[in-house]
N, C-alpha and C. Protein backbone atom coordinates (compact mmCIF):
# COMPACT_ATOMS: atom_id res chain seq x y z
N MET A 1 55.21 -38.24 88.24
CA MET A 1 55.63 -38.07 86.86
C MET A 1 56.07 -36.72 86.70
N SER A 2 57.14 -36.47 85.89
CA SER A 2 57.57 -35.05 85.45
C SER A 2 56.58 -34.43 84.50
N GLY A 3 56.69 -33.11 84.36
CA GLY A 3 55.81 -32.44 83.34
C GLY A 3 56.07 -33.03 81.93
N LYS A 4 57.41 -33.35 81.64
CA LYS A 4 57.59 -33.72 80.25
C LYS A 4 57.11 -35.19 79.91
N THR A 5 57.13 -35.94 81.02
CA THR A 5 56.57 -37.41 80.94
C THR A 5 55.05 -37.31 80.82
N ASP A 6 54.43 -36.34 81.49
CA ASP A 6 52.98 -36.25 81.38
C ASP A 6 52.52 -35.79 80.00
N ILE A 7 53.24 -34.95 79.34
CA ILE A 7 53.03 -34.41 78.12
C ILE A 7 53.25 -35.54 77.06
N LEU A 8 54.21 -36.30 77.28
CA LEU A 8 54.49 -37.45 76.43
C LEU A 8 53.38 -38.52 76.51
N LEU A 9 53.04 -38.81 77.71
CA LEU A 9 51.98 -39.85 77.78
C LEU A 9 50.59 -39.29 77.39
N SER A 10 50.34 -38.06 77.54
CA SER A 10 49.05 -37.52 77.14
C SER A 10 49.05 -37.49 75.57
N GLN A 11 50.05 -37.12 74.89
CA GLN A 11 50.04 -37.18 73.37
C GLN A 11 50.04 -38.57 72.84
N LEU A 12 50.72 -39.47 73.43
CA LEU A 12 50.73 -40.74 73.04
C LEU A 12 49.56 -41.40 73.19
N ARG A 13 48.78 -41.33 74.36
CA ARG A 13 47.56 -41.77 74.61
C ARG A 13 46.48 -41.22 73.54
N SER A 14 46.50 -40.01 73.39
CA SER A 14 45.54 -39.33 72.33
C SER A 14 45.65 -39.89 70.93
N CYS A 15 46.91 -40.16 70.64
CA CYS A 15 47.21 -40.64 69.22
C CYS A 15 46.69 -42.11 69.13
N VAL A 16 47.01 -42.87 70.16
CA VAL A 16 46.74 -44.29 70.30
C VAL A 16 45.10 -44.37 70.17
N GLN A 17 44.49 -43.60 71.02
CA GLN A 17 43.03 -43.66 71.01
C GLN A 17 42.41 -43.06 69.69
N LYS A 18 42.86 -41.97 69.07
CA LYS A 18 42.31 -41.36 67.99
C LYS A 18 42.39 -42.22 66.73
N TYR A 19 43.48 -43.00 66.60
CA TYR A 19 43.56 -43.89 65.51
C TYR A 19 43.40 -45.33 65.74
N ASP A 20 42.99 -45.60 66.96
CA ASP A 20 42.54 -46.98 67.47
C ASP A 20 43.83 -47.95 67.12
N MET A 21 44.94 -47.59 67.69
CA MET A 21 46.25 -48.21 67.27
C MET A 21 46.50 -49.51 68.17
N ILE A 22 45.86 -49.51 69.21
CA ILE A 22 46.16 -50.71 70.15
C ILE A 22 44.83 -51.44 70.45
N SER A 23 44.77 -52.73 70.38
CA SER A 23 43.62 -53.57 70.78
C SER A 23 43.89 -54.23 72.06
N GLU A 24 42.77 -54.81 72.59
CA GLU A 24 42.92 -55.53 73.81
C GLU A 24 43.72 -56.80 73.56
N GLY A 25 44.69 -56.98 74.35
CA GLY A 25 45.63 -58.19 74.28
C GLY A 25 46.81 -58.15 73.40
N ASP A 26 46.98 -56.88 72.61
CA ASP A 26 48.04 -56.68 71.63
C ASP A 26 49.36 -56.99 72.44
N ARG A 27 50.30 -57.41 71.73
CA ARG A 27 51.71 -57.60 72.03
C ARG A 27 52.48 -56.75 71.07
N VAL A 28 53.09 -55.69 71.57
CA VAL A 28 53.68 -54.60 70.84
C VAL A 28 55.21 -54.76 70.85
N LEU A 29 55.67 -54.85 69.66
CA LEU A 29 57.19 -54.83 69.56
C LEU A 29 57.64 -53.41 69.18
N CYS A 30 58.48 -52.77 70.02
CA CYS A 30 58.90 -51.44 69.79
C CYS A 30 60.32 -51.53 69.23
N ALA A 31 60.51 -51.02 67.95
CA ALA A 31 61.76 -51.08 67.31
C ALA A 31 62.67 -49.91 67.97
N VAL A 32 63.83 -50.22 68.46
CA VAL A 32 64.70 -49.35 69.14
C VAL A 32 65.95 -49.09 68.44
N SER A 33 66.32 -47.80 67.99
CA SER A 33 67.66 -47.62 67.37
C SER A 33 68.57 -47.19 68.47
N GLY A 34 68.17 -46.71 69.51
CA GLY A 34 68.96 -46.20 70.51
C GLY A 34 68.92 -44.65 70.46
N GLY A 35 68.18 -44.12 69.58
CA GLY A 35 68.06 -42.62 69.53
C GLY A 35 66.77 -42.26 70.39
N LYS A 36 66.75 -40.86 70.57
CA LYS A 36 65.69 -40.32 71.60
C LYS A 36 64.31 -40.69 71.16
N ASP A 37 63.92 -40.70 69.87
CA ASP A 37 62.64 -40.95 69.45
C ASP A 37 62.21 -42.40 69.85
N SER A 38 63.05 -43.44 69.56
CA SER A 38 62.54 -44.72 69.85
C SER A 38 62.71 -45.06 71.28
N LEU A 39 63.57 -44.39 71.96
CA LEU A 39 63.61 -44.65 73.52
C LEU A 39 62.36 -44.00 74.10
N ALA A 40 62.13 -42.86 73.68
CA ALA A 40 60.79 -42.19 74.23
C ALA A 40 59.59 -43.04 73.90
N LEU A 41 59.54 -43.57 72.61
CA LEU A 41 58.40 -44.30 72.40
C LEU A 41 58.25 -45.62 73.16
N SER A 42 59.39 -46.31 73.35
CA SER A 42 59.29 -47.55 74.15
C SER A 42 58.92 -47.25 75.57
N TYR A 43 59.47 -46.16 76.15
CA TYR A 43 59.37 -45.79 77.56
C TYR A 43 57.76 -45.34 77.70
N GLY A 44 57.25 -44.52 76.69
CA GLY A 44 55.97 -44.16 76.80
C GLY A 44 54.98 -45.27 76.61
N LEU A 45 55.23 -46.09 75.65
CA LEU A 45 54.29 -47.30 75.54
C LEU A 45 54.39 -48.17 76.77
N LYS A 46 55.40 -48.38 77.45
CA LYS A 46 55.59 -49.19 78.68
C LYS A 46 54.76 -48.49 79.72
N ARG A 47 54.78 -47.23 79.94
CA ARG A 47 54.04 -46.52 80.95
C ARG A 47 52.65 -46.48 80.62
N LEU A 48 52.29 -46.34 79.38
CA LEU A 48 50.90 -46.41 78.92
C LEU A 48 50.31 -47.72 79.20
N SER A 49 50.96 -48.76 78.97
CA SER A 49 50.40 -50.19 79.15
C SER A 49 49.99 -50.34 80.68
N GLY A 50 50.53 -49.49 81.53
CA GLY A 50 50.14 -49.77 83.01
C GLY A 50 48.82 -49.09 83.34
N PHE A 51 48.20 -48.26 82.54
CA PHE A 51 46.87 -47.70 82.86
C PHE A 51 45.89 -47.53 81.64
N TYR A 52 46.33 -47.90 80.43
CA TYR A 52 45.42 -47.79 79.31
C TYR A 52 44.33 -48.84 79.49
N PRO A 53 43.01 -48.34 79.07
CA PRO A 53 41.83 -49.29 79.34
C PRO A 53 41.99 -50.64 78.64
N LYS A 54 42.65 -50.62 77.38
CA LYS A 54 42.90 -51.91 76.70
C LYS A 54 44.31 -52.44 77.11
N LYS A 55 44.23 -53.63 77.66
CA LYS A 55 45.51 -54.22 78.11
C LYS A 55 46.28 -54.66 77.06
N PHE A 56 47.66 -54.35 77.08
CA PHE A 56 48.66 -54.77 76.09
C PHE A 56 50.05 -54.95 76.77
N SER A 57 50.82 -55.64 76.06
CA SER A 57 52.20 -55.67 76.61
C SER A 57 53.25 -55.08 75.59
N VAL A 58 54.42 -54.67 76.06
CA VAL A 58 55.50 -54.04 75.27
C VAL A 58 56.67 -54.80 75.44
N CYS A 59 57.46 -54.93 74.39
CA CYS A 59 58.79 -55.45 74.32
C CYS A 59 59.63 -54.55 73.34
N ALA A 60 60.86 -54.43 73.65
CA ALA A 60 61.68 -53.70 72.67
C ALA A 60 62.65 -54.43 72.02
N ALA A 61 63.04 -54.12 70.77
CA ALA A 61 64.12 -54.83 70.13
C ALA A 61 64.94 -53.93 69.20
N THR A 62 66.28 -54.33 69.08
CA THR A 62 67.17 -53.60 68.27
C THR A 62 67.76 -54.50 67.33
N VAL A 63 67.94 -54.17 66.09
CA VAL A 63 68.57 -54.89 65.06
C VAL A 63 70.13 -54.66 65.16
N ASP A 64 70.83 -55.61 65.46
CA ASP A 64 72.34 -55.45 65.56
C ASP A 64 72.71 -55.90 64.03
N MET A 65 73.26 -54.88 63.28
CA MET A 65 73.64 -55.18 61.86
C MET A 65 74.94 -55.88 61.63
N GLY A 66 75.61 -56.20 62.81
CA GLY A 66 76.95 -56.90 62.72
C GLY A 66 78.16 -56.05 62.57
N PHE A 67 78.01 -54.84 62.78
CA PHE A 67 79.25 -53.94 62.84
C PHE A 67 79.98 -54.16 64.13
N GLU A 68 81.30 -54.16 63.98
CA GLU A 68 82.22 -54.40 65.24
C GLU A 68 82.07 -53.03 66.06
N GLY A 69 82.12 -53.29 67.36
CA GLY A 69 82.05 -52.13 68.28
C GLY A 69 80.60 -51.57 68.60
N PHE A 70 79.55 -52.21 68.04
CA PHE A 70 78.21 -51.80 68.23
C PHE A 70 77.85 -52.15 69.60
N ASP A 71 77.84 -51.12 70.56
CA ASP A 71 77.63 -51.35 71.96
C ASP A 71 76.17 -50.94 72.37
N LEU A 72 75.45 -51.95 72.73
CA LEU A 72 74.10 -51.66 73.09
C LEU A 72 73.80 -51.73 74.60
N SER A 73 74.97 -51.69 75.32
CA SER A 73 74.63 -51.74 76.76
C SER A 73 73.94 -50.46 77.35
N PRO A 74 74.18 -49.24 76.91
CA PRO A 74 73.28 -48.25 77.34
C PRO A 74 71.87 -48.43 77.21
N VAL A 75 71.54 -48.98 75.96
CA VAL A 75 70.15 -49.15 75.51
C VAL A 75 69.57 -50.32 76.55
N SER A 76 70.36 -51.30 76.67
CA SER A 76 69.94 -52.41 77.54
C SER A 76 69.72 -51.96 78.88
N ASP A 77 70.63 -51.14 79.52
CA ASP A 77 70.53 -50.59 80.77
C ASP A 77 69.33 -49.78 80.91
N PHE A 78 68.98 -48.96 79.94
CA PHE A 78 67.82 -48.16 79.89
C PHE A 78 66.53 -49.03 80.08
N MET A 79 66.51 -50.05 79.28
CA MET A 79 65.37 -50.84 79.17
C MET A 79 65.14 -51.64 80.57
N LYS A 80 66.27 -52.15 81.05
CA LYS A 80 66.20 -52.90 82.30
C LYS A 80 65.84 -51.90 83.46
N LYS A 81 66.27 -50.64 83.51
CA LYS A 81 65.90 -49.78 84.54
C LYS A 81 64.31 -49.47 84.42
N ASN A 82 63.77 -49.41 83.22
CA ASN A 82 62.41 -49.07 83.04
C ASN A 82 61.47 -50.35 82.82
N GLY A 83 61.97 -51.49 83.16
CA GLY A 83 61.11 -52.68 83.17
C GLY A 83 60.59 -53.05 81.83
N ILE A 84 61.39 -52.85 80.71
CA ILE A 84 60.88 -53.16 79.34
C ILE A 84 61.78 -54.31 78.92
N PRO A 85 61.12 -55.40 78.51
CA PRO A 85 61.96 -56.61 78.02
C PRO A 85 62.61 -56.02 76.72
N PHE A 86 63.84 -56.55 76.58
CA PHE A 86 64.67 -56.08 75.42
C PHE A 86 65.33 -57.15 74.91
N GLU A 87 65.32 -57.32 73.42
CA GLU A 87 65.96 -58.30 72.68
C GLU A 87 66.87 -57.60 71.50
N ILE A 88 67.85 -58.38 71.28
CA ILE A 88 68.77 -57.92 70.26
C ILE A 88 68.75 -58.85 69.08
N ILE A 89 68.37 -58.39 68.01
CA ILE A 89 68.19 -59.27 66.71
C ILE A 89 69.52 -59.27 66.03
N LYS A 90 70.22 -60.32 66.06
CA LYS A 90 71.56 -60.32 65.30
C LYS A 90 71.41 -60.58 63.90
N THR A 91 72.14 -59.88 63.09
CA THR A 91 72.01 -59.91 61.64
C THR A 91 73.44 -59.76 61.00
N ASP A 92 73.57 -59.98 59.69
CA ASP A 92 74.71 -59.64 59.03
C ASP A 92 74.53 -58.58 58.01
N ILE A 93 73.51 -57.70 58.30
CA ILE A 93 73.14 -56.59 57.34
C ILE A 93 74.29 -55.71 56.88
N GLY A 94 75.13 -55.37 57.96
CA GLY A 94 76.25 -54.56 57.63
C GLY A 94 77.12 -55.03 56.45
N ALA A 95 77.43 -56.39 56.46
CA ALA A 95 78.23 -57.04 55.41
C ALA A 95 77.54 -57.02 54.14
N ALA A 96 76.24 -57.23 54.12
CA ALA A 96 75.33 -57.33 52.96
C ALA A 96 75.33 -55.93 52.28
N VAL A 97 75.30 -54.87 52.98
CA VAL A 97 75.07 -53.60 52.31
C VAL A 97 76.32 -52.71 52.02
N SER A 98 77.46 -53.23 52.60
CA SER A 98 78.67 -52.42 52.44
C SER A 98 79.17 -52.30 51.08
N ALA A 99 78.85 -53.02 50.24
CA ALA A 99 79.44 -52.95 48.80
C ALA A 99 78.29 -52.52 47.85
N THR A 100 77.18 -52.23 48.32
CA THR A 100 76.02 -51.70 47.55
C THR A 100 76.10 -50.16 47.21
N GLU A 101 75.47 -49.80 46.01
CA GLU A 101 75.55 -48.46 45.66
C GLU A 101 74.70 -47.47 46.52
N LYS A 102 73.62 -48.02 47.08
CA LYS A 102 72.77 -47.25 47.87
C LYS A 102 72.40 -48.00 49.17
N PRO A 103 73.50 -47.94 50.16
CA PRO A 103 73.42 -48.68 51.28
C PRO A 103 72.32 -48.22 52.17
N CYS A 104 72.10 -47.07 52.24
CA CYS A 104 71.04 -46.53 53.40
C CYS A 104 69.72 -47.17 52.97
N SER A 105 69.34 -47.07 51.74
CA SER A 105 67.98 -47.52 51.39
C SER A 105 67.86 -48.98 51.60
N LEU A 106 68.87 -49.80 51.14
CA LEU A 106 68.79 -51.16 51.23
C LEU A 106 68.88 -51.53 52.81
N CYS A 107 69.73 -50.96 53.55
CA CYS A 107 69.93 -51.19 54.97
C CYS A 107 68.46 -50.94 55.75
N ALA A 108 67.95 -49.94 55.34
CA ALA A 108 66.56 -49.69 56.07
C ALA A 108 65.56 -50.77 55.74
N ARG A 109 65.48 -51.14 54.41
CA ARG A 109 64.66 -52.23 53.99
C ARG A 109 64.95 -53.60 54.85
N LEU A 110 66.19 -53.80 54.94
CA LEU A 110 66.71 -55.10 55.53
C LEU A 110 66.48 -55.12 57.05
N ARG A 111 66.60 -53.91 57.64
CA ARG A 111 66.22 -53.79 59.09
C ARG A 111 64.90 -53.97 59.33
N ARG A 112 64.06 -53.36 58.48
CA ARG A 112 62.53 -53.56 58.69
C ARG A 112 62.06 -54.87 58.54
N ALA A 113 62.68 -55.59 57.56
CA ALA A 113 62.41 -56.97 57.16
C ALA A 113 62.89 -57.89 58.43
N ALA A 114 63.92 -57.63 59.00
CA ALA A 114 64.40 -58.30 60.22
C ALA A 114 63.50 -58.15 61.46
N LEU A 115 63.05 -56.83 61.61
CA LEU A 115 61.98 -56.70 62.60
C LEU A 115 60.64 -57.32 62.44
N CYS A 116 60.20 -57.29 61.15
CA CYS A 116 58.91 -57.88 60.88
C CYS A 116 58.97 -59.40 61.03
N ASN A 117 60.11 -59.94 60.49
CA ASN A 117 60.15 -61.45 60.70
C ASN A 117 60.31 -61.97 62.09
N TYR A 118 60.99 -61.08 62.99
CA TYR A 118 61.17 -61.37 64.39
C TYR A 118 59.80 -61.37 64.99
N ALA A 119 59.14 -60.17 64.80
CA ALA A 119 57.90 -60.01 65.31
C ALA A 119 56.77 -61.00 65.00
N ARG A 120 56.85 -61.57 63.83
CA ARG A 120 56.05 -62.64 63.42
C ARG A 120 56.35 -63.81 64.08
N GLU A 121 57.57 -64.22 64.09
CA GLU A 121 58.13 -65.51 64.82
C GLU A 121 57.77 -65.60 66.32
N LYS A 122 57.87 -64.44 66.92
CA LYS A 122 57.62 -64.30 68.32
C LYS A 122 56.22 -64.01 68.71
N GLY A 123 55.25 -63.90 67.66
CA GLY A 123 53.80 -63.75 67.98
C GLY A 123 53.41 -62.29 68.34
N PHE A 124 54.24 -61.25 67.95
CA PHE A 124 53.81 -59.93 68.36
C PHE A 124 52.64 -59.54 67.28
N THR A 125 51.84 -58.73 67.80
CA THR A 125 50.62 -58.29 66.99
C THR A 125 50.81 -56.86 66.37
N LYS A 126 51.66 -56.08 66.96
CA LYS A 126 51.90 -54.77 66.55
C LYS A 126 53.35 -54.49 66.48
N LEU A 127 53.99 -53.55 65.55
CA LEU A 127 55.22 -53.16 65.50
C LEU A 127 55.26 -51.75 65.56
N ALA A 128 55.87 -51.11 66.58
CA ALA A 128 55.95 -49.66 66.87
C ALA A 128 57.24 -49.14 66.43
N LEU A 129 57.15 -48.12 65.62
CA LEU A 129 58.44 -47.38 65.09
C LEU A 129 58.43 -45.99 65.54
N GLY A 130 59.57 -45.58 65.96
CA GLY A 130 59.83 -44.11 66.35
C GLY A 130 60.19 -43.32 65.17
N HIS A 131 59.67 -43.57 63.92
CA HIS A 131 59.96 -42.96 62.80
C HIS A 131 59.01 -41.69 62.58
N THR A 132 59.59 -40.47 62.79
CA THR A 132 58.81 -39.25 62.90
C THR A 132 58.62 -38.67 61.42
N GLU A 133 57.86 -37.68 61.33
CA GLU A 133 57.61 -36.88 60.04
C GLU A 133 58.90 -36.31 59.62
N ASP A 134 59.95 -35.86 60.53
CA ASP A 134 61.22 -35.34 60.10
C ASP A 134 62.02 -36.43 59.53
N ASP A 135 61.96 -37.68 60.17
CA ASP A 135 62.70 -38.92 59.59
C ASP A 135 62.27 -39.15 58.17
N ALA A 136 60.88 -39.05 58.04
CA ALA A 136 60.35 -39.52 56.63
C ALA A 136 60.83 -38.41 55.69
N ALA A 137 60.88 -37.22 56.08
CA ALA A 137 61.23 -36.25 55.10
C ALA A 137 62.76 -36.34 54.65
N GLU A 138 63.55 -36.73 55.82
CA GLU A 138 64.99 -36.92 55.56
C GLU A 138 65.25 -38.07 54.58
N THR A 139 64.54 -39.14 54.95
CA THR A 139 64.64 -40.27 54.03
C THR A 139 64.31 -39.94 52.55
N ALA A 140 63.18 -39.27 52.46
CA ALA A 140 62.82 -38.87 50.97
C ALA A 140 63.93 -37.91 50.31
N LEU A 141 64.49 -37.07 51.12
CA LEU A 141 65.44 -36.16 50.57
C LEU A 141 66.78 -36.98 50.14
N ASN A 142 67.09 -37.88 51.12
CA ASN A 142 68.31 -38.86 50.90
C ASN A 142 68.05 -39.62 49.60
N GLU A 143 66.98 -40.05 49.34
CA GLU A 143 66.57 -40.83 48.08
C GLU A 143 66.65 -39.96 46.95
N ALA A 144 66.20 -38.69 47.10
CA ALA A 144 66.24 -37.72 45.89
C ALA A 144 67.68 -37.48 45.58
N VAL A 145 68.36 -37.03 46.64
CA VAL A 145 69.80 -36.68 46.39
C VAL A 145 70.60 -37.86 45.83
N ALA A 146 70.28 -39.00 46.26
CA ALA A 146 70.97 -40.26 45.64
C ALA A 146 70.70 -40.39 44.18
N GLY A 147 69.42 -40.20 43.89
CA GLY A 147 68.94 -40.25 42.48
C GLY A 147 69.63 -39.06 41.64
N LEU A 148 69.67 -37.89 42.26
CA LEU A 148 70.40 -36.75 41.70
C LEU A 148 71.88 -36.95 41.41
N ASP A 149 72.49 -37.70 42.35
CA ASP A 149 73.86 -37.93 42.07
C ASP A 149 74.08 -38.83 40.95
N HIS A 150 73.18 -39.81 40.60
CA HIS A 150 73.20 -40.59 39.43
C HIS A 150 73.05 -39.79 38.11
N LEU A 151 72.13 -38.72 38.19
CA LEU A 151 71.83 -37.78 37.15
C LEU A 151 72.98 -37.03 36.88
N ILE A 152 73.61 -36.43 37.85
CA ILE A 152 74.86 -35.61 37.65
C ILE A 152 75.92 -36.38 37.05
N SER A 153 76.20 -37.70 37.50
CA SER A 153 77.18 -38.52 37.01
C SER A 153 76.87 -38.74 35.53
N ALA A 154 75.74 -38.98 35.20
CA ALA A 154 75.36 -39.23 33.71
C ALA A 154 75.61 -37.96 32.89
N ALA A 155 75.29 -36.77 33.44
CA ALA A 155 75.39 -35.46 32.80
C ALA A 155 76.85 -35.07 32.63
N LYS A 156 77.69 -35.41 33.71
CA LYS A 156 79.10 -35.17 33.57
C LYS A 156 79.76 -36.09 32.42
N LYS A 157 79.23 -37.33 32.31
CA LYS A 157 79.85 -38.08 31.28
C LYS A 157 79.47 -37.69 29.97
N ILE A 158 78.15 -37.20 29.71
CA ILE A 158 77.79 -36.68 28.46
C ILE A 158 78.60 -35.45 28.08
N ILE A 159 78.75 -34.46 29.00
CA ILE A 159 79.48 -33.18 28.78
C ILE A 159 80.88 -33.57 28.42
N SER A 160 81.53 -34.48 29.10
CA SER A 160 82.92 -34.77 28.84
C SER A 160 83.12 -35.49 27.55
N ASP A 161 82.05 -36.35 27.19
CA ASP A 161 82.06 -37.07 25.89
C ASP A 161 82.14 -36.02 24.80
N PHE A 162 81.47 -34.86 24.93
CA PHE A 162 81.39 -33.83 23.90
C PHE A 162 82.41 -32.76 24.09
N GLY A 163 83.35 -32.99 24.77
CA GLY A 163 84.49 -32.07 24.92
C GLY A 163 84.24 -30.93 25.90
N GLY A 164 83.20 -30.98 26.64
CA GLY A 164 82.99 -29.89 27.62
C GLY A 164 83.85 -30.02 28.93
N GLU A 165 83.83 -28.91 29.66
CA GLU A 165 84.47 -28.99 30.85
C GLU A 165 83.57 -29.36 32.06
N VAL A 166 84.11 -30.31 32.91
CA VAL A 166 83.31 -30.86 33.91
C VAL A 166 84.07 -30.46 35.39
N PRO A 167 83.30 -29.83 36.27
CA PRO A 167 83.75 -29.45 37.51
C PRO A 167 84.32 -30.87 38.14
N SER A 168 85.38 -30.67 38.95
CA SER A 168 85.98 -31.80 39.56
C SER A 168 85.21 -32.35 40.75
N ARG A 169 84.34 -31.55 41.39
CA ARG A 169 83.64 -31.97 42.55
C ARG A 169 82.14 -31.81 42.29
N THR A 170 81.20 -32.74 42.62
CA THR A 170 79.88 -32.71 42.31
C THR A 170 79.24 -31.60 43.14
N ASP A 171 79.68 -31.27 44.35
CA ASP A 171 79.08 -30.11 45.14
C ASP A 171 79.18 -28.86 44.49
N GLN A 172 80.11 -28.65 43.62
CA GLN A 172 80.20 -27.41 42.82
C GLN A 172 78.97 -27.27 41.95
N LEU A 173 78.43 -28.26 41.54
CA LEU A 173 77.27 -28.21 40.68
C LEU A 173 76.02 -27.79 41.45
N MET A 174 76.02 -28.28 42.73
CA MET A 174 74.65 -28.15 43.61
C MET A 174 74.78 -26.97 44.47
N THR A 175 75.81 -26.10 44.48
CA THR A 175 75.85 -25.10 45.42
C THR A 175 75.05 -23.84 44.99
N LEU A 176 74.08 -23.42 45.80
CA LEU A 176 73.24 -22.26 45.45
C LEU A 176 73.50 -21.17 46.49
N PRO A 177 73.24 -19.92 46.01
CA PRO A 177 73.50 -18.88 46.98
C PRO A 177 72.49 -18.99 48.08
N GLY A 178 73.02 -18.92 49.35
CA GLY A 178 72.13 -18.79 50.43
C GLY A 178 71.51 -20.20 50.86
N VAL A 179 71.98 -21.26 50.13
CA VAL A 179 71.60 -22.65 50.51
C VAL A 179 72.70 -23.54 50.78
N GLY A 180 72.60 -24.28 51.84
CA GLY A 180 73.76 -25.25 52.06
C GLY A 180 74.84 -24.72 53.02
N ARG A 181 76.05 -24.82 52.43
CA ARG A 181 77.23 -24.38 53.22
C ARG A 181 77.15 -22.84 53.71
N LYS A 182 77.70 -22.62 54.90
CA LYS A 182 77.89 -21.30 55.36
C LYS A 182 79.30 -20.82 55.09
N THR A 183 79.32 -19.57 54.55
CA THR A 183 80.70 -19.23 54.29
C THR A 183 81.19 -18.09 55.23
N ALA A 184 82.45 -18.08 55.53
CA ALA A 184 82.91 -17.09 56.49
C ALA A 184 82.82 -15.66 55.94
N ASN A 185 82.50 -14.77 56.81
CA ASN A 185 82.36 -13.39 56.44
C ASN A 185 83.73 -12.63 56.45
């Protein structure tokens, strides 16, 4: 094993033990987006399953949202190379969310539902997500900004209704010195 793999497995095992995340005989479905976090998690769980005192199995799955050109061959190749069973869950989520006002939030919920339904149907006992603290913070910020956009739109309407001047671009309202965009010197 490489040094980085050793560190990954050590931290993964420590977390699994500390929070008693895996029980004897568990069937773990690892949700894989194709990003580094979910690929590392699936790889680490597969390696851990080879020596962990509580025996468990690992399978990985990706939700195909139905977008054209969505190529999962690199993910499939990675899974095959590392001996991780891999399934693609076909959905029409892309079409369902394309016309909505908050597609990211709805899409995330629908992907999670597809994963949970698949796990239940196939008899998995655990669902592992590579969702990190950074991801959670980004999601919260996206939700806050989406909510802020609605407030800004409402404020712009009220201002214009009373004859006030409204900036033509929303980002002009949200630009703060030293925050956000970098300007050329």
